[in-house]
Amino acid sequence: MTLRATIVGAGGLGGPIALSLGGAGIELTIVDPDIVDETNLHRQIQFTPADLGKPKAALLAGAVVARGGRARGYPMHWRADDADDLGGDAAIIVDGSDDPETKFAVADWAVATGRPYVIAAALRFGGNVMAGAPGAACYRCLFEEPVAAATCAAAGVLGPVVGAIGGVAAALALGLARGDRTHAGSLFVFDDLRASAEPRIVQFAPRPGCSSCARAANPPILIAKKETA
């Protein structure tokens, strides 16, 4: 049986995630509205100067296919109205976008539809990766609401950082897609990859009153007990 994954973001994080999962035999749907810019090239190694001005999603899907994988690229934003069409057959959804609102939208949809997910972020010299699955604490349990934050475009990111964090995100996604829930409800925090490659792994509990868990297909035990009391 072929496993399928949806990847939101085809840039610095989406590139290594897609190439890793595609190489592992997972069929990919890649979603990203952006085109390749010269400032991307130092960290988005799937692109070359010949790709400038072209859609990232289609190019990354082509790179996966060129390596023997299967992938489709969609040059569009991830939106709730299109989510079921883009991710309805996916065993896992992975966010590597550079936008807080998109990350929350991806996580909320995954929780509501009862599927595992990974949310990855990188900035300057570090970042984090969160693994989620039905019944575990969710992304909104930890971060609650999107807030204005610096982006890679504005604040920069060291090129190798996205490769390292993208590799961890891909490994967690592959495990979740194959049924490994060991790290569900955990956040892998990379404070400064120049100093240490070892992440802090923070396991957190479901948050009472979490609006995403309240709509979950499989709510965490804490939320389920509260609702049936």
Protein backbone atom coordinates (compact mmCIF):
# COMPACT_ATOMS: atom_id res chain seq x y z
CA MET A 1 0.00 0.00 0.00
CA THR A 2 1.36 3.42 -0.99
CA LEU A 3 1.58 5.99 1.79
CA ARG A 4 0.78 9.57 0.86
CA ALA A 5 1.86 12.82 2.50
CA THR A 6 1.00 16.47 2.02
CA ILE A 7 3.82 18.97 2.46
CA VAL A 8 2.99 22.64 2.95
CA GLY A 9 5.97 24.77 1.99
CA ALA A 10 8.55 24.03 -0.71
CA GLY A 11 11.40 26.19 0.53
CA GLY A 12 14.29 25.69 2.93
CA LEU A 13 12.45 23.19 5.12
CA GLY A 14 10.08 21.77 2.53
CA GLY A 15 12.96 20.84 0.23
CA PRO A 16 14.79 18.37 2.50
CA ILE A 17 11.48 17.09 3.88
CA ALA A 18 10.11 16.34 0.40
CA LEU A 19 13.32 14.80 -0.92
CA SER A 20 13.63 12.59 2.17
CA LEU A 21 10.02 11.39 2.19
CA GLY A 22 9.94 10.98 -1.59
CA GLY A 23 13.11 8.90 -1.40
CA ALA A 24 11.42 6.72 1.22
CA GLY A 25 8.66 5.83 -1.23
CA ILE A 26 5.95 8.18 0.04
CA GLU A 27 3.80 9.82 -2.63
CA LEU A 28 3.72 13.60 -2.12
CA THR A 29 1.40 16.52 -2.62
CA ILE A 30 3.43 19.74 -2.31
CA VAL A 31 1.69 23.08 -1.71
CA ASP A 32 3.42 26.47 -1.98
CA PRO A 33 2.34 29.72 -3.68
CA ASP A 34 5.83 31.22 -4.06
CA ILE A 35 8.30 31.47 -6.90
CA VAL A 36 12.06 31.06 -6.62
CA ASP A 37 13.99 34.21 -5.73
CA GLU A 38 17.74 34.72 -5.81
CA THR A 39 17.78 35.19 -2.03
CA ASN A 40 16.43 31.64 -1.61
CA LEU A 41 19.32 29.84 -3.24
CA HIS A 42 21.75 29.71 -0.30
CA ARG A 43 19.36 27.62 1.79
CA GLN A 44 16.94 26.05 -0.70
CA ILE A 45 19.34 23.64 -2.32
CA GLN A 46 16.69 22.01 -4.51
CA PHE A 47 16.76 25.13 -6.71
CA THR A 48 19.39 26.64 -9.01
CA PRO A 49 19.80 30.04 -10.73
CA ALA A 50 18.04 28.55 -13.77
CA ASP A 51 14.88 28.23 -11.62
CA LEU A 52 14.52 31.93 -10.78
CA GLY A 53 10.94 33.15 -11.22
CA LYS A 54 9.46 29.65 -11.47
CA PRO A 55 6.92 28.10 -9.04
CA LYS A 56 8.58 26.35 -6.11
CA ALA A 57 5.92 23.65 -5.68
CA ALA A 58 6.19 22.36 -9.24
CA LEU A 59 10.00 22.51 -9.22
CA LEU A 60 10.29 20.59 -5.95
CA ALA A 61 7.81 17.97 -7.16
CA GLY A 62 9.92 17.63 -10.29
CA ALA A 63 13.06 17.16 -8.20
CA VAL A 64 11.37 14.35 -6.27
CA VAL A 65 10.24 12.68 -9.50
CA ALA A 66 13.72 13.02 -11.02
CA ARG A 67 15.04 10.96 -8.08
CA GLY A 68 12.53 8.20 -8.69
CA GLY A 69 9.75 9.38 -6.39
CA ARG A 70 6.16 10.43 -6.98
CA ALA A 71 4.97 13.97 -6.35
CA ARG A 72 2.58 16.67 -7.52
CA GLY A 73 3.09 20.39 -6.99
CA TYR A 74 0.34 22.96 -6.45
CA PRO A 75 1.30 26.67 -6.64
CA MET A 76 -1.26 27.90 -4.11
CA HIS A 77 -1.78 28.80 -0.47
CA TRP A 78 -2.99 26.18 2.00
CA ARG A 79 -6.58 27.20 2.79
CA ALA A 80 -9.34 25.52 4.75
CA ASP A 81 -11.59 25.46 1.68
CA ASP A 82 -9.06 23.39 -0.27
CA ALA A 83 -7.62 21.33 2.59
CA ASP A 84 -9.71 18.21 2.06
CA ASP A 85 -8.83 18.12 -1.64
CA LEU A 86 -5.12 18.65 -1.00
CA GLY A 87 -4.71 16.41 2.04
CA GLY A 88 -7.74 14.16 2.22
CA ASP A 89 -5.86 11.00 1.20
CA ALA A 90 -2.68 11.76 3.15
CA ALA A 91 -1.39 9.58 5.96
CA ILE A 92 0.57 12.58 7.31
CA ILE A 93 0.71 16.31 6.73
CA VAL A 94 3.92 18.28 7.26
CA ASP A 95 4.21 22.05 7.50
CA GLY A 96 7.50 23.71 6.60
CA SER A 97 6.05 27.11 5.73
CA ASP A 98 7.33 30.45 7.00
CA ASP A 99 3.94 31.72 8.15
CA PRO A 100 2.39 31.30 11.66
CA GLU A 101 -1.19 31.48 10.38
CA THR A 102 -0.53 28.65 7.93
CA LYS A 103 1.06 26.50 10.63
CA PHE A 104 -1.99 26.82 12.87
CA ALA A 105 -4.33 26.15 9.94
CA VAL A 106 -2.45 22.97 9.05
CA ALA A 107 -2.36 21.75 12.65
CA ASP A 108 -6.06 22.55 13.26
CA TRP A 109 -7.10 20.67 10.11
CA ALA A 110 -4.98 17.66 11.05
CA VAL A 111 -6.46 17.53 14.54
CA ALA A 112 -10.02 17.94 13.25
CA THR A 113 -9.58 15.16 10.69
CA GLY A 114 -7.74 12.80 13.04
CA ARG A 115 -4.42 12.42 11.29
CA PRO A 116 -0.79 12.79 12.41
CA TYR A 117 1.17 15.89 11.51
CA VAL A 118 4.54 17.61 11.87
CA ILE A 119 5.11 21.36 12.15
CA ALA A 120 8.67 22.58 11.52
CA ALA A 121 10.20 26.05 11.92
CA ALA A 122 13.69 27.50 11.49
CA LEU A 123 15.12 30.95 12.10
CA ARG A 124 18.67 32.29 12.31
CA PHE A 125 20.65 29.49 14.01
CA GLY A 126 17.91 27.23 15.40
CA GLY A 127 14.29 26.21 15.28
CA ASN A 128 11.85 23.56 16.41
CA VAL A 129 9.82 20.58 15.22
CA MET A 130 6.52 19.50 16.75
CA ALA A 131 5.04 16.03 16.24
CA GLY A 132 1.30 15.57 16.65
CA ALA A 133 -1.10 12.65 16.45
CA PRO A 134 -4.71 11.87 17.39
CA GLY A 135 -5.21 11.73 21.14
CA ALA A 136 -2.04 13.69 21.97
CA ALA A 137 -1.53 17.32 22.93
CA CYS A 138 -1.72 19.52 19.83
CA TYR A 139 0.12 22.48 18.37
CA ARG A 140 -2.49 24.89 19.74
CA CYS A 141 -2.22 23.31 23.20
CA LEU A 142 1.34 24.64 23.31
CA PHE A 143 1.32 27.89 21.33
CA GLU A 144 -2.40 28.79 21.66
CA GLU A 145 -2.66 31.48 18.94
CA PRO A 146 -0.61 32.80 16.01
CA VAL A 147 1.50 35.84 16.85
CA ALA A 148 3.50 38.18 14.67
CA ALA A 149 6.98 36.71 14.35
CA ALA A 150 10.17 37.26 12.40
CA THR A 151 10.44 35.31 9.15
CA CYS A 152 13.43 33.81 7.39
CA ALA A 153 13.10 36.47 4.70
CA ALA A 154 13.31 39.26 7.27
CA ALA A 155 15.59 37.82 9.97
CA GLY A 156 17.59 35.29 7.97
CA VAL A 157 18.51 31.68 8.62
CA LEU A 158 21.80 29.83 8.33
CA GLY A 159 21.65 27.54 5.29
CA PRO A 160 22.63 24.27 7.03
CA VAL A 161 20.06 24.89 9.79
CA VAL A 162 17.10 24.23 7.50
CA GLY A 163 18.73 21.01 6.29
CA ALA A 164 19.24 19.74 9.82
CA ILE A 165 15.76 20.67 11.05
CA GLY A 166 14.14 19.46 7.84
CA GLY A 167 15.85 16.10 8.30
CA VAL A 168 14.46 15.74 11.81
CA ALA A 169 10.99 16.73 10.59
CA ALA A 170 11.17 14.14 7.81
CA ALA A 171 12.27 11.40 10.21
CA LEU A 172 9.40 12.19 12.61
CA ALA A 173 6.92 12.34 9.73
CA LEU A 174 8.06 9.00 8.36
CA GLY A 175 7.67 7.39 11.76
CA LEU A 176 4.20 8.86 12.30
CA ALA A 177 3.05 7.83 8.82
CA ARG A 178 4.09 4.26 9.63
CA GLY A 179 2.29 4.25 12.98
CA ASP A 180 5.05 5.22 15.45
CA ARG A 181 3.48 7.53 18.08
CA THR A 182 6.54 7.63 20.38
CA HIS A 183 7.03 11.38 20.01
CA ALA A 184 3.42 12.50 19.57
CA GLY A 185 2.82 15.61 21.66
CA SER A 186 6.53 16.48 21.74
CA LEU A 187 8.49 19.54 20.67
CA PHE A 188 12.10 19.17 19.50
CA VAL A 189 13.86 22.47 20.23
CA PHE A 190 17.17 23.39 18.56
CA ASP A 191 18.45 26.44 20.42
CA ASP A 192 21.61 27.04 18.37
CA LEU A 193 22.88 24.42 15.95
CA ARG A 194 26.26 26.13 15.86
CA ALA A 195 26.76 25.07 19.48
CA SER A 196 24.95 21.72 19.66
CA ALA A 197 23.13 19.40 17.28
CA GLU A 198 21.22 17.80 20.16
CA PRO A 199 17.66 19.09 20.60
CA ARG A 200 15.79 19.58 23.84
CA ILE A 201 12.76 17.29 23.65
CA VAL A 202 9.80 18.76 25.51
CA GLN A 203 6.76 16.55 26.05
CA PHE A 204 3.70 18.55 26.96
CA ALA A 205 0.21 17.76 28.22
CA PRO A 206 -3.10 18.68 26.57
CA ARG A 207 -4.26 22.16 27.56
CA PRO A 208 -7.73 22.37 29.14
CA GLY A 209 -9.95 24.57 27.00
CA CYS A 210 -7.90 24.14 23.82
CA SER A 211 -10.22 25.11 20.96
CA SER A 212 -8.53 22.77 18.50
CA CYS A 213 -8.75 19.71 20.77
CA ALA A 214 -12.42 20.51 21.40
CA ARG A 215 -13.05 19.90 17.69
CA ALA A 216 -10.75 16.90 17.42
CA ALA A 217 -11.82 13.66 15.79
CA ASN A 218 -9.94 11.88 18.62
CA PRO A 219 -9.63 14.32 21.54
CA PRO A 220 -6.98 13.87 24.23
CA ILE A 221 -8.08 12.04 27.36
CA LEU A 222 -8.16 15.22 29.45
CA ILE A 223 -10.51 16.95 27.04
CA ALA A 224 -12.69 13.86 26.58
CA LYS A 225 -13.18 13.50 30.37
CA LYS A 226 -14.06 17.16 30.73
CA GLU A 227 -16.69 16.96 28.00
CA THR A 228 -18.39 13.85 29.41
CA ALA A 229 -18.30 14.85 33.09
